Amino acid sequence: MQKPPRKLVRGLIVVAIVAALAIIAWLELKPSGYGEGFVSGNGRIEATEINVATKLGGRVTRILVDEGDFVDTGDVLAEMDTTTLQAQLQQAQAQSRQAENAIQTAQALVSQRESEHATAEALLLQRQAESNAAQKRYDRIKVLVQRNAMSRQQLDDAEAALQSAQAAVASARAQILSAEAGIAAARSQVIGAESALDAARAAADRIAADITDSTLSADRHARVQFRTVEPGEVLGAGGRVLNLVDLTDVYMTFFLPERLAGRVAMGSDARIIIDAA
């Protein structure tokens, strides 16, 4: 076998030596770290967590998201059973209609009592006119009796008629007072019916709000981190259904070396290079 020429061997040795020297020089001269103004350290990226919970106790009917899903504001996350609340709402609405009917009945009664009051006032005027006429007749007969122009019996009859007319006036006044009391009672019934209507409507509004709150929705852009229950489970008031991570409030806690911590002022700008990126 023929040996390679000595010049070729020497050339290869020289090339190997030069390559080794170049590698050693590159290793010695290559930049370490990210350069001036950068420092390495440990830190962790965090975000605000939100627990999606029920306002009222009840059974979970549906969960519409899975762990890892992204959700936006207004997205429906889960639904609670509202069968009982729907029945309560119908009852409150029926009570509202009943109170409205009671108001109309009471208002009609007020009108009736006011009409009776007007009739009583008209009757009082009539009785007062009759009493005045009886008084004048009595006075005339009394004068004539004193002159012996009429008998004493006629005077007694006139006096009896006057007393009867005065009694009728008193009775008419009593009817007016009774009508006024009836008006006050009827108006009180109107106020009571209106209060009952307000209470029924308030109850209906509260139940409707509870029904709305039974649909659990996202109030921000977030990511589902955990599902803590499954459909069919019964939760108490405030029971947690999901755990979300707020993607609009992501922050990083970075730990500077002790020798550099004092060189960074509050409010200073910082740029972060993450190893994973």
C-alpha atoms as a PDB file:
ATOM      1  CA  MET A   1       0.000   0.000   0.000  1.00  0.00           C
ATOM      2  CA  GLN A   2       1.399   3.390  -1.007  1.00  0.00           C
ATOM      3  CA  LYS A   3       1.857   5.942   1.816  1.00  0.00           C
ATOM      4  CA  PRO A   4       0.408   9.511   1.369  1.00  0.00           C
ATOM      5  CA  PRO A   5       2.946  12.196   0.549  1.00  0.00           C
ATOM      6  CA  ARG A   6       4.558  13.918   3.523  1.00  0.00           C
ATOM      7  CA  LYS A   7       3.488  17.368   2.279  1.00  0.00           C
ATOM      8  CA  LEU A   8      -0.190  16.310   2.372  1.00  0.00           C
ATOM      9  CA  VAL A   9       0.129  14.972   5.892  1.00  0.00           C
ATOM     10  CA  ARG A  10       1.810  18.141   7.073  1.00  0.00           C
ATOM     11  CA  GLY A  11      -0.950  20.231   5.467  1.00  0.00           C
ATOM     12  CA  LEU A  12      -3.676  18.279   7.186  1.00  0.00           C
ATOM     13  CA  ILE A  13      -1.930  18.657  10.547  1.00  0.00           C
ATOM     14  CA  VAL A  14      -1.611  22.416  10.056  1.00  0.00           C
ATOM     15  CA  VAL A  15      -5.343  22.690   9.145  1.00  0.00           C
ATOM     16  CA  ALA A  16      -6.317  20.696  12.241  1.00  0.00           C
ATOM     17  CA  ILE A  17      -4.169  22.896  14.485  1.00  0.00           C
ATOM     18  CA  VAL A  18      -5.643  26.092  12.983  1.00  0.00           C
ATOM     19  CA  ALA A  19      -9.219  24.771  13.417  1.00  0.00           C
ATOM     20  CA  ALA A  20      -8.511  23.851  17.043  1.00  0.00           C
ATOM     21  CA  LEU A  21      -7.049  27.275  17.742  1.00  0.00           C
ATOM     22  CA  ALA A  22     -10.090  28.937  16.101  1.00  0.00           C
ATOM     23  CA  ILE A  23     -12.525  26.935  18.252  1.00  0.00           C
ATOM     24  CA  ILE A  24     -10.574  27.786  21.398  1.00  0.00           C
ATOM     25  CA  ALA A  25     -10.520  31.484  20.462  1.00  0.00           C
ATOM     26  CA  TRP A  26     -14.302  31.492  19.741  1.00  0.00           C
ATOM     27  CA  LEU A  27     -15.075  29.843  23.054  1.00  0.00           C
ATOM     28  CA  GLU A  28     -12.949  32.397  24.871  1.00  0.00           C
ATOM     29  CA  LEU A  29     -14.204  35.455  23.009  1.00  0.00           C
ATOM     30  CA  LYS A  30     -17.924  34.603  22.527  1.00  0.00           C
ATOM     31  CA  PRO A  31     -20.303  36.987  24.397  1.00  0.00           C
ATOM     32  CA  SER A  32     -21.733  35.644  27.644  1.00  0.00           C
ATOM     33  CA  GLY A  33     -25.356  36.485  28.609  1.00  0.00           C
ATOM     34  CA  TYR A  34     -27.469  39.083  26.811  1.00  0.00           C
ATOM     35  CA  GLY A  35     -24.934  41.843  27.064  1.00  0.00           C
ATOM     36  CA  GLU A  36     -24.644  45.067  29.026  1.00  0.00           C
ATOM     37  CA  GLY A  37     -27.776  46.066  30.987  1.00  0.00           C
ATOM     38  CA  PHE A  38     -29.279  42.562  31.187  1.00  0.00           C
ATOM     39  CA  VAL A  39     -29.418  40.352  34.201  1.00  0.00           C
ATOM     40  CA  SER A  40     -30.562  36.762  34.643  1.00  0.00           C
ATOM     41  CA  GLY A  41     -32.846  35.647  37.408  1.00  0.00           C
ATOM     42  CA  ASN A  42     -35.870  33.583  38.375  1.00  0.00           C
ATOM     43  CA  GLY A  43     -39.501  34.611  38.195  1.00  0.00           C
ATOM     44  CA  ARG A  44     -43.011  33.316  37.624  1.00  0.00           C
ATOM     45  CA  ILE A  45     -45.881  34.457  35.447  1.00  0.00           C
ATOM     46  CA  GLU A  46     -49.191  34.772  37.318  1.00  0.00           C
ATOM     47  CA  ALA A  47     -52.730  35.918  36.639  1.00  0.00           C
ATOM     48  CA  THR A  48     -55.814  36.775  38.677  1.00  0.00           C
ATOM     49  CA  GLU A  49     -58.062  33.795  39.373  1.00  0.00           C
ATOM     50  CA  ILE A  50     -61.860  34.067  39.502  1.00  0.00           C
ATOM     51  CA  ASN A  51     -64.163  31.515  41.093  1.00  0.00           C
ATOM     52  CA  VAL A  52     -67.488  31.298  39.246  1.00  0.00           C
ATOM     53  CA  ALA A  53     -70.021  30.396  41.944  1.00  0.00           C
ATOM     54  CA  THR A  54     -73.778  30.134  42.354  1.00  0.00           C
ATOM     55  CA  LYS A  55     -75.752  32.886  44.053  1.00  0.00           C
ATOM     56  CA  LEU A  56     -78.423  30.475  45.293  1.00  0.00           C
ATOM     57  CA  GLY A  57     -78.331  26.818  46.155  1.00  0.00           C
ATOM     58  CA  GLY A  58     -79.609  24.400  43.542  1.00  0.00           C
ATOM     59  CA  ARG A  59     -78.880  21.722  40.971  1.00  0.00           C
ATOM     60  CA  VAL A  60     -76.418  22.253  38.115  1.00  0.00           C
ATOM     61  CA  THR A  61     -78.188  21.467  34.834  1.00  0.00           C
ATOM     62  CA  ARG A  62     -75.496  22.280  32.250  1.00  0.00           C
ATOM     63  CA  ILE A  63     -71.831  23.238  32.072  1.00  0.00           C
ATOM     64  CA  LEU A  64     -71.018  24.615  28.646  1.00  0.00           C
ATOM     65  CA  VAL A  65     -67.200  24.890  28.854  1.00  0.00           C
ATOM     66  CA  ASP A  66     -64.285  22.549  29.456  1.00  0.00           C
ATOM     67  CA  GLU A  67     -60.960  23.022  31.140  1.00  0.00           C
ATOM     68  CA  GLY A  68     -58.606  24.977  28.894  1.00  0.00           C
ATOM     69  CA  ASP A  69     -61.376  26.750  26.948  1.00  0.00           C
ATOM     70  CA  PHE A  70     -61.099  30.482  26.314  1.00  0.00           C
ATOM     71  CA  VAL A  71     -64.187  32.571  27.121  1.00  0.00           C
ATOM     72  CA  ASP A  72     -65.142  36.180  26.447  1.00  0.00           C
ATOM     73  CA  THR A  73     -67.400  38.627  28.217  1.00  0.00           C
ATOM     74  CA  GLY A  74     -71.028  37.493  28.103  1.00  0.00           C
ATOM     75  CA  ASP A  75     -70.334  33.858  27.236  1.00  0.00           C
ATOM     76  CA  VAL A  76     -72.640  31.462  29.115  1.00  0.00           C
ATOM     77  CA  LEU A  77     -70.571  29.120  31.267  1.00  0.00           C
ATOM     78  CA  ALA A  78     -73.158  27.102  33.206  1.00  0.00           C
ATOM     79  CA  GLU A  79     -76.862  26.966  34.017  1.00  0.00           C
ATOM     80  CA  MET A  80     -78.667  26.136  37.251  1.00  0.00           C
ATOM     81  CA  ASP A  81     -82.097  24.522  37.597  1.00  0.00           C
ATOM     82  CA  THR A  82     -84.786  27.264  37.816  1.00  0.00           C
ATOM     83  CA  THR A  83     -87.959  25.153  38.010  1.00  0.00           C
ATOM     84  CA  THR A  84     -88.786  26.281  41.550  1.00  0.00           C
ATOM     85  CA  LEU A  85     -87.936  29.899  40.769  1.00  0.00           C
ATOM     86  CA  GLN A  86     -90.184  29.858  37.708  1.00  0.00           C
ATOM     87  CA  ALA A  87     -93.084  28.639  39.855  1.00  0.00           C
ATOM     88  CA  GLN A  88     -92.387  31.353  42.422  1.00  0.00           C
ATOM     89  CA  LEU A  89     -92.305  33.955  39.668  1.00  0.00           C
ATOM     90  CA  GLN A  90     -95.689  32.833  38.350  1.00  0.00           C
ATOM     91  CA  GLN A  91     -97.103  33.039  41.872  1.00  0.00           C
ATOM     92  CA  ALA A  92     -95.754  36.579  42.347  1.00  0.00           C
ATOM     93  CA  GLN A  93     -97.167  37.629  38.990  1.00  0.00           C
ATOM     94  CA  ALA A  94    -100.580  36.198  39.944  1.00  0.00           C
ATOM     95  CA  GLN A  95    -100.431  38.141  43.201  1.00  0.00           C
ATOM     96  CA  SER A  96     -99.670  41.273  41.190  1.00  0.00           C
ATOM     97  CA  ARG A  97    -102.760  40.764  39.054  1.00  0.00           C
ATOM     98  CA  GLN A  98    -104.829  40.091  42.180  1.00  0.00           C
ATOM     99  CA  ALA A  99    -103.575  43.322  43.757  1.00  0.00           C
ATOM    100  CA  GLU A 100    -104.404  45.251  40.563  1.00  0.00           C
ATOM    101  CA  ASN A 101    -107.979  43.932  40.723  1.00  0.00           C
ATOM    102  CA  ALA A 102    -108.144  44.864  44.398  1.00  0.00           C
ATOM    103  CA  ILE A 103    -107.069  48.405  43.541  1.00  0.00           C
ATOM    104  CA  GLN A 104    -109.808  48.734  40.941  1.00  0.00           C
ATOM    105  CA  THR A 105    -112.401  47.380  43.403  1.00  0.00           C
ATOM    106  CA  ALA A 106    -111.247  49.768  46.117  1.00  0.00           C
ATOM    107  CA  GLN A 107    -111.278  52.724  43.726  1.00  0.00           C
ATOM    108  CA  ALA A 108    -114.840  51.824  42.691  1.00  0.00           C
ATOM    109  CA  LEU A 109    -115.789  51.687  46.354  1.00  0.00           C
ATOM    110  CA  VAL A 110    -114.265  55.130  46.873  1.00  0.00           C
ATOM    111  CA  SER A 111    -116.391  56.476  44.028  1.00  0.00           C
ATOM    112  CA  GLN A 112    -119.481  54.852  45.537  1.00  0.00           C
ATOM    113  CA  ARG A 113    -118.778  56.350  48.969  1.00  0.00           C
ATOM    114  CA  GLU A 114    -118.167  59.766  47.419  1.00  0.00           C
ATOM    115  CA  SER A 115    -121.505  59.492  45.628  1.00  0.00           C
ATOM    116  CA  GLU A 116    -123.198  58.590  48.902  1.00  0.00           C
ATOM    117  CA  HIS A 117    -121.497  61.585  50.520  1.00  0.00           C
ATOM    118  CA  ALA A 118    -122.827  63.900  47.828  1.00  0.00           C
ATOM    119  CA  THR A 119    -126.317  62.445  48.265  1.00  0.00           C
ATOM    120  CA  ALA A 120    -126.077  62.941  52.026  1.00  0.00           C
ATOM    121  CA  GLU A 121    -125.044  66.579  51.551  1.00  0.00           C
ATOM    122  CA  ALA A 122    -127.987  67.184  49.223  1.00  0.00           C
ATOM    123  CA  LEU A 123    -130.315  65.546  51.731  1.00  0.00           C
ATOM    124  CA  LEU A 124    -128.882  67.746  54.487  1.00  0.00           C
ATOM    125  CA  LEU A 125    -129.674  70.859  52.462  1.00  0.00           C
ATOM    126  CA  GLN A 126    -133.205  69.590  51.965  1.00  0.00           C
ATOM    127  CA  ARG A 127    -133.644  68.808  55.656  1.00  0.00           C
ATOM    128  CA  GLN A 128    -132.236  72.191  56.625  1.00  0.00           C
ATOM    129  CA  ALA A 129    -134.713  73.903  54.292  1.00  0.00           C
ATOM    130  CA  GLU A 130    -137.555  71.901  55.804  1.00  0.00           C
ATOM    131  CA  SER A 131    -136.328  72.752  59.298  1.00  0.00           C
ATOM    132  CA  ASN A 132    -136.134  76.438  58.441  1.00  0.00           C
ATOM    133  CA  ALA A 133    -139.706  76.342  57.064  1.00  0.00           C
ATOM    134  CA  ALA A 134    -140.918  74.508  60.178  1.00  0.00           C
ATOM    135  CA  GLN A 135    -139.161  77.066  62.372  1.00  0.00           C
ATOM    136  CA  LYS A 136    -140.837  79.969  60.572  1.00  0.00           C
ATOM    137  CA  ARG A 137    -144.231  78.264  60.716  1.00  0.00           C
ATOM    138  CA  TYR A 138    -143.808  77.632  64.419  1.00  0.00           C
ATOM    139  CA  ASP A 139    -142.819  81.256  65.039  1.00  0.00           C
ATOM    140  CA  ARG A 140    -145.884  82.544  63.153  1.00  0.00           C
ATOM    141  CA  ILE A 141    -148.298  80.209  64.917  1.00  0.00           C
ATOM    142  CA  LYS A 142    -146.775  81.144  68.275  1.00  0.00           C
ATOM    143  CA  VAL A 143    -147.502  84.814  67.627  1.00  0.00           C
ATOM    144  CA  LEU A 144    -151.034  84.041  66.530  1.00  0.00           C
ATOM    145  CA  VAL A 145    -151.600  81.850  69.570  1.00  0.00           C
ATOM    146  CA  GLN A 146    -150.482  84.717  71.777  1.00  0.00           C
ATOM    147  CA  ARG A 147    -153.098  86.839  70.023  1.00  0.00           C
ATOM    148  CA  ASN A 148    -155.676  84.063  70.471  1.00  0.00           C
ATOM    149  CA  ALA A 149    -155.958  83.818  66.678  1.00  0.00           C
ATOM    150  CA  MET A 150    -155.038  80.121  66.641  1.00  0.00           C
ATOM    151  CA  SER A 151    -155.463  77.288  69.036  1.00  0.00           C
ATOM    152  CA  ARG A 152    -152.819  75.914  71.339  1.00  0.00           C
ATOM    153  CA  GLN A 153    -153.082  72.558  69.603  1.00  0.00           C
ATOM    154  CA  GLN A 154    -151.903  74.035  66.336  1.00  0.00           C
ATOM    155  CA  LEU A 155    -148.879  75.459  68.137  1.00  0.00           C
ATOM    156  CA  ASP A 156    -148.107  72.045  69.598  1.00  0.00           C
ATOM    157  CA  ASP A 157    -148.400  70.490  66.138  1.00  0.00           C
ATOM    158  CA  ALA A 158    -146.048  73.118  64.688  1.00  0.00           C
ATOM    159  CA  GLU A 159    -143.575  72.512  67.490  1.00  0.00           C
ATOM    160  CA  ALA A 160    -143.652  68.776  66.852  1.00  0.00           C
ATOM    161  CA  ALA A 161    -143.104  69.351  63.140  1.00  0.00           C
ATOM    162  CA  LEU A 162    -140.144  71.636  63.946  1.00  0.00           C
ATOM    163  CA  GLN A 163    -138.558  69.053  66.228  1.00  0.00           C
ATOM    164  CA  SER A 164    -139.047  66.365  63.568  1.00  0.00           C
ATOM    165  CA  ALA A 165    -137.382  68.597  60.957  1.00  0.00           C
ATOM    166  CA  GLN A 166    -134.461  69.319  63.294  1.00  0.00           C
ATOM    167  CA  ALA A 167    -134.066  65.584  63.932  1.00  0.00           C
ATOM    168  CA  ALA A 168    -134.024  64.977  60.190  1.00  0.00           C
ATOM    169  CA  VAL A 169    -131.239  67.583  59.870  1.00  0.00           C
ATOM    170  CA  ALA A 170    -129.229  65.805  62.544  1.00  0.00           C
ATOM    171  CA  SER A 171    -129.804  62.465  60.799  1.00  0.00           C
ATOM    172  CA  ALA A 172    -128.615  63.932  57.479  1.00  0.00           C
ATOM    173  CA  ARG A 173    -125.473  65.256  59.133  1.00  0.00           C
ATOM    174  CA  ALA A 174    -124.827  61.816  60.617  1.00  0.00           C
ATOM    175  CA  GLN A 175    -125.180  60.303  57.152  1.00  0.00           C
ATOM    176  CA  ILE A 176    -122.566  62.759  55.879  1.00  0.00           C
ATOM    177  CA  LEU A 177    -120.158  61.743  58.644  1.00  0.00           C
ATOM    178  CA  SER A 178    -120.819  58.081  57.876  1.00  0.00           C
ATOM    179  CA  ALA A 179    -120.165  58.680  54.151  1.00  0.00           C
ATOM    180  CA  GLU A 180    -116.916  60.509  54.967  1.00  0.00           C
ATOM    181  CA  ALA A 181    -115.807  57.579  57.142  1.00  0.00           C
ATOM    182  CA  GLY A 182    -116.695  55.209  54.296  1.00  0.00           C
ATOM    183  CA  ILE A 183    -114.604  57.295  51.885  1.00  0.00           C
ATOM    184  CA  ALA A 184    -111.634  57.203  54.264  1.00  0.00           C
ATOM    185  CA  ALA A 185    -111.962  53.425  54.672  1.00  0.00           C
ATOM    186  CA  ALA A 186    -112.234  52.902  50.910  1.00  0.00           C
ATOM    187  CA  ARG A 187    -109.190  55.090  50.285  1.00  0.00           C
ATOM    188  CA  SER A 188    -107.317  53.092  52.920  1.00  0.00           C
ATOM    189  CA  GLN A 189    -108.235  49.941  50.999  1.00  0.00           C
ATOM    190  CA  VAL A 190    -106.809  51.527  47.848  1.00  0.00           C
ATOM    191  CA  ILE A 191    -103.536  52.275  49.654  1.00  0.00           C
ATOM    192  CA  GLY A 192    -103.410  48.732  51.020  1.00  0.00           C
ATOM    193  CA  ALA A 193    -104.036  47.236  47.578  1.00  0.00           C
ATOM    194  CA  GLU A 194    -101.365  49.493  46.051  1.00  0.00           C
ATOM    195  CA  SER A 195     -98.897  48.404  48.743  1.00  0.00           C
ATOM    196  CA  ALA A 196     -99.738  44.770  48.034  1.00  0.00           C
ATOM    197  CA  LEU A 197     -99.144  45.412  44.331  1.00  0.00           C
ATOM    198  CA  ASP A 198     -95.773  47.030  45.025  1.00  0.00           C
ATOM    199  CA  ALA A 199     -94.781  44.084  47.226  1.00  0.00           C
ATOM    200  CA  ALA A 200     -95.868  41.531  44.614  1.00  0.00           C
ATOM    201  CA  ARG A 201     -93.996  43.355  41.861  1.00  0.00           C
ATOM    202  CA  ALA A 202     -90.890  43.632  44.024  1.00  0.00           C
ATOM    203  CA  ALA A 203     -91.069  39.902  44.733  1.00  0.00           C
ATOM    204  CA  ALA A 204     -91.454  39.187  41.006  1.00  0.00           C
ATOM    205  CA  ASP A 205     -88.460  41.417  40.201  1.00  0.00           C
ATOM    206  CA  ARG A 206     -86.352  39.689  42.862  1.00  0.00           C
ATOM    207  CA  ILE A 207     -87.254  36.231  41.589  1.00  0.00           C
ATOM    208  CA  ALA A 208     -86.601  37.299  37.995  1.00  0.00           C
ATOM    209  CA  ALA A 209     -83.175  38.542  39.091  1.00  0.00           C
ATOM    210  CA  ASP A 210     -82.508  35.184  40.784  1.00  0.00           C
ATOM    211  CA  ILE A 211     -83.484  33.410  37.550  1.00  0.00           C
ATOM    212  CA  THR A 212     -81.092  35.636  35.602  1.00  0.00           C
ATOM    213  CA  ASP A 213     -78.322  34.968  38.128  1.00  0.00           C
ATOM    214  CA  SER A 214     -78.916  31.225  37.701  1.00  0.00           C
ATOM    215  CA  THR A 215     -77.258  31.547  34.280  1.00  0.00           C
ATOM    216  CA  LEU A 216     -73.539  31.886  35.025  1.00  0.00           C
ATOM    217  CA  SER A 217     -71.759  34.059  32.456  1.00  0.00           C
ATOM    218  CA  ALA A 218     -68.215  35.295  31.994  1.00  0.00           C
ATOM    219  CA  ASP A 219     -67.589  38.954  32.799  1.00  0.00           C
ATOM    220  CA  ARG A 220     -64.156  39.144  31.145  1.00  0.00           C
ATOM    221  CA  HIS A 221     -61.787  37.491  28.716  1.00  0.00           C
ATOM    222  CA  ALA A 222     -60.448  34.466  30.565  1.00  0.00           C
ATOM    223  CA  ARG A 223     -59.462  30.831  30.369  1.00  0.00           C
ATOM    224  CA  VAL A 224     -61.146  27.960  32.187  1.00  0.00           C
ATOM    225  CA  GLN A 225     -58.668  26.460  34.619  1.00  0.00           C
ATOM    226  CA  PHE A 226     -60.799  23.985  36.606  1.00  0.00           C
ATOM    227  CA  ARG A 227     -64.287  22.469  36.541  1.00  0.00           C
ATOM    228  CA  THR A 228     -65.126  21.703  40.144  1.00  0.00           C
ATOM    229  CA  VAL A 229     -68.574  20.102  39.608  1.00  0.00           C
ATOM    230  CA  GLU A 230     -70.478  18.197  36.960  1.00  0.00           C
ATOM    231  CA  PRO A 231     -74.095  18.495  35.732  1.00  0.00           C
ATOM    232  CA  GLY A 232     -76.581  16.984  38.154  1.00  0.00           C
ATOM    233  CA  GLU A 233     -74.700  17.919  41.312  1.00  0.00           C
ATOM    234  CA  VAL A 234     -76.477  19.999  43.969  1.00  0.00           C
ATOM    235  CA  LEU A 235     -74.646  23.024  45.367  1.00  0.00           C
ATOM    236  CA  GLY A 236     -75.314  25.314  48.289  1.00  0.00           C
ATOM    237  CA  ALA A 237     -75.411  29.077  48.009  1.00  0.00           C
ATOM    238  CA  GLY A 238     -71.979  30.277  46.893  1.00  0.00           C
ATOM    239  CA  GLY A 239     -70.954  26.844  45.612  1.00  0.00           C
ATOM    240  CA  ARG A 240     -68.036  27.020  43.164  1.00  0.00           C
ATOM    241  CA  VAL A 241     -68.660  25.729  39.653  1.00  0.00           C
ATOM    242  CA  LEU A 242     -65.596  26.874  37.678  1.00  0.00           C
ATOM    243  CA  ASN A 243     -62.238  28.525  38.191  1.00  0.00           C
ATOM    244  CA  LEU A 244     -61.101  31.048  35.578  1.00  0.00           C
ATOM    245  CA  VAL A 245     -57.792  32.761  34.891  1.00  0.00           C
ATOM    246  CA  ASP A 246     -58.132  36.437  33.948  1.00  0.00           C
ATOM    247  CA  LEU A 247     -56.125  36.875  30.738  1.00  0.00           C
ATOM    248  CA  THR A 248     -56.471  40.673  30.908  1.00  0.00           C
ATOM    249  CA  ASP A 249     -54.502  40.805  34.172  1.00  0.00           C
ATOM    250  CA  VAL A 250     -51.363  38.734  33.603  1.00  0.00           C
ATOM    251  CA  TYR A 251     -48.268  39.782  35.561  1.00  0.00           C
ATOM    252  CA  MET A 252     -44.809  38.462  36.388  1.00  0.00           C
ATOM    253  CA  THR A 253     -43.005  38.342  39.702  1.00  0.00           C
ATOM    254  CA  PHE A 254     -39.232  38.561  39.016  1.00  0.00           C
ATOM    255  CA  PHE A 255     -36.531  38.127  41.641  1.00  0.00           C
ATOM    256  CA  LEU A 256     -33.401  40.247  41.096  1.00  0.00           C
ATOM    257  CA  PRO A 257     -30.024  39.266  42.544  1.00  0.00           C
ATOM    258  CA  GLU A 258     -29.350  41.055  45.838  1.00  0.00           C
ATOM    259  CA  ARG A 259     -26.400  43.004  44.405  1.00  0.00           C
ATOM    260  CA  LEU A 260     -28.629  44.516  41.684  1.00  0.00           C
ATOM    261  CA  ALA A 261     -31.943  44.966  43.492  1.00  0.00           C
ATOM    262  CA  GLY A 262     -30.981  48.366  44.877  1.00  0.00           C
ATOM    263  CA  ARG A 263     -30.060  49.712  41.420  1.00  0.00           C
ATOM    264  CA  VAL A 264     -33.627  49.468  40.073  1.00  0.00           C
ATOM    265  CA  ALA A 265     -35.878  52.377  41.021  1.00  0.00           C
ATOM    266  CA  MET A 266     -39.618  52.180  41.474  1.00  0.00           C
ATOM    267  CA  GLY A 267     -41.430  52.876  38.209  1.00  0.00           C
ATOM    268  CA  SER A 268     -38.429  52.092  36.007  1.00  0.00           C
ATOM    269  CA  ASP A 269     -39.097  50.550  32.598  1.00  0.00           C
ATOM    270  CA  ALA A 270     -38.038  46.951  32.188  1.00  0.00           C
ATOM    271  CA  ARG A 271     -37.859  44.541  29.270  1.00  0.00           C
ATOM    272  CA  ILE A 272     -38.117  40.830  29.870  1.00  0.00           C
ATOM    273  CA  ILE A 273     -36.700  38.037  27.732  1.00  0.00           C
ATOM    274  CA  ILE A 274     -38.325  34.723  28.631  1.00  0.00           C
ATOM    275  CA  ASP A 275     -36.259  31.604  28.068  1.00  0.00           C
ATOM    276  CA  ALA A 276     -39.238  29.721  26.659  1.00  0.00           C
ATOM    277  CA  ALA A 277     -39.785  32.409  24.025  1.00  0.00           C
END
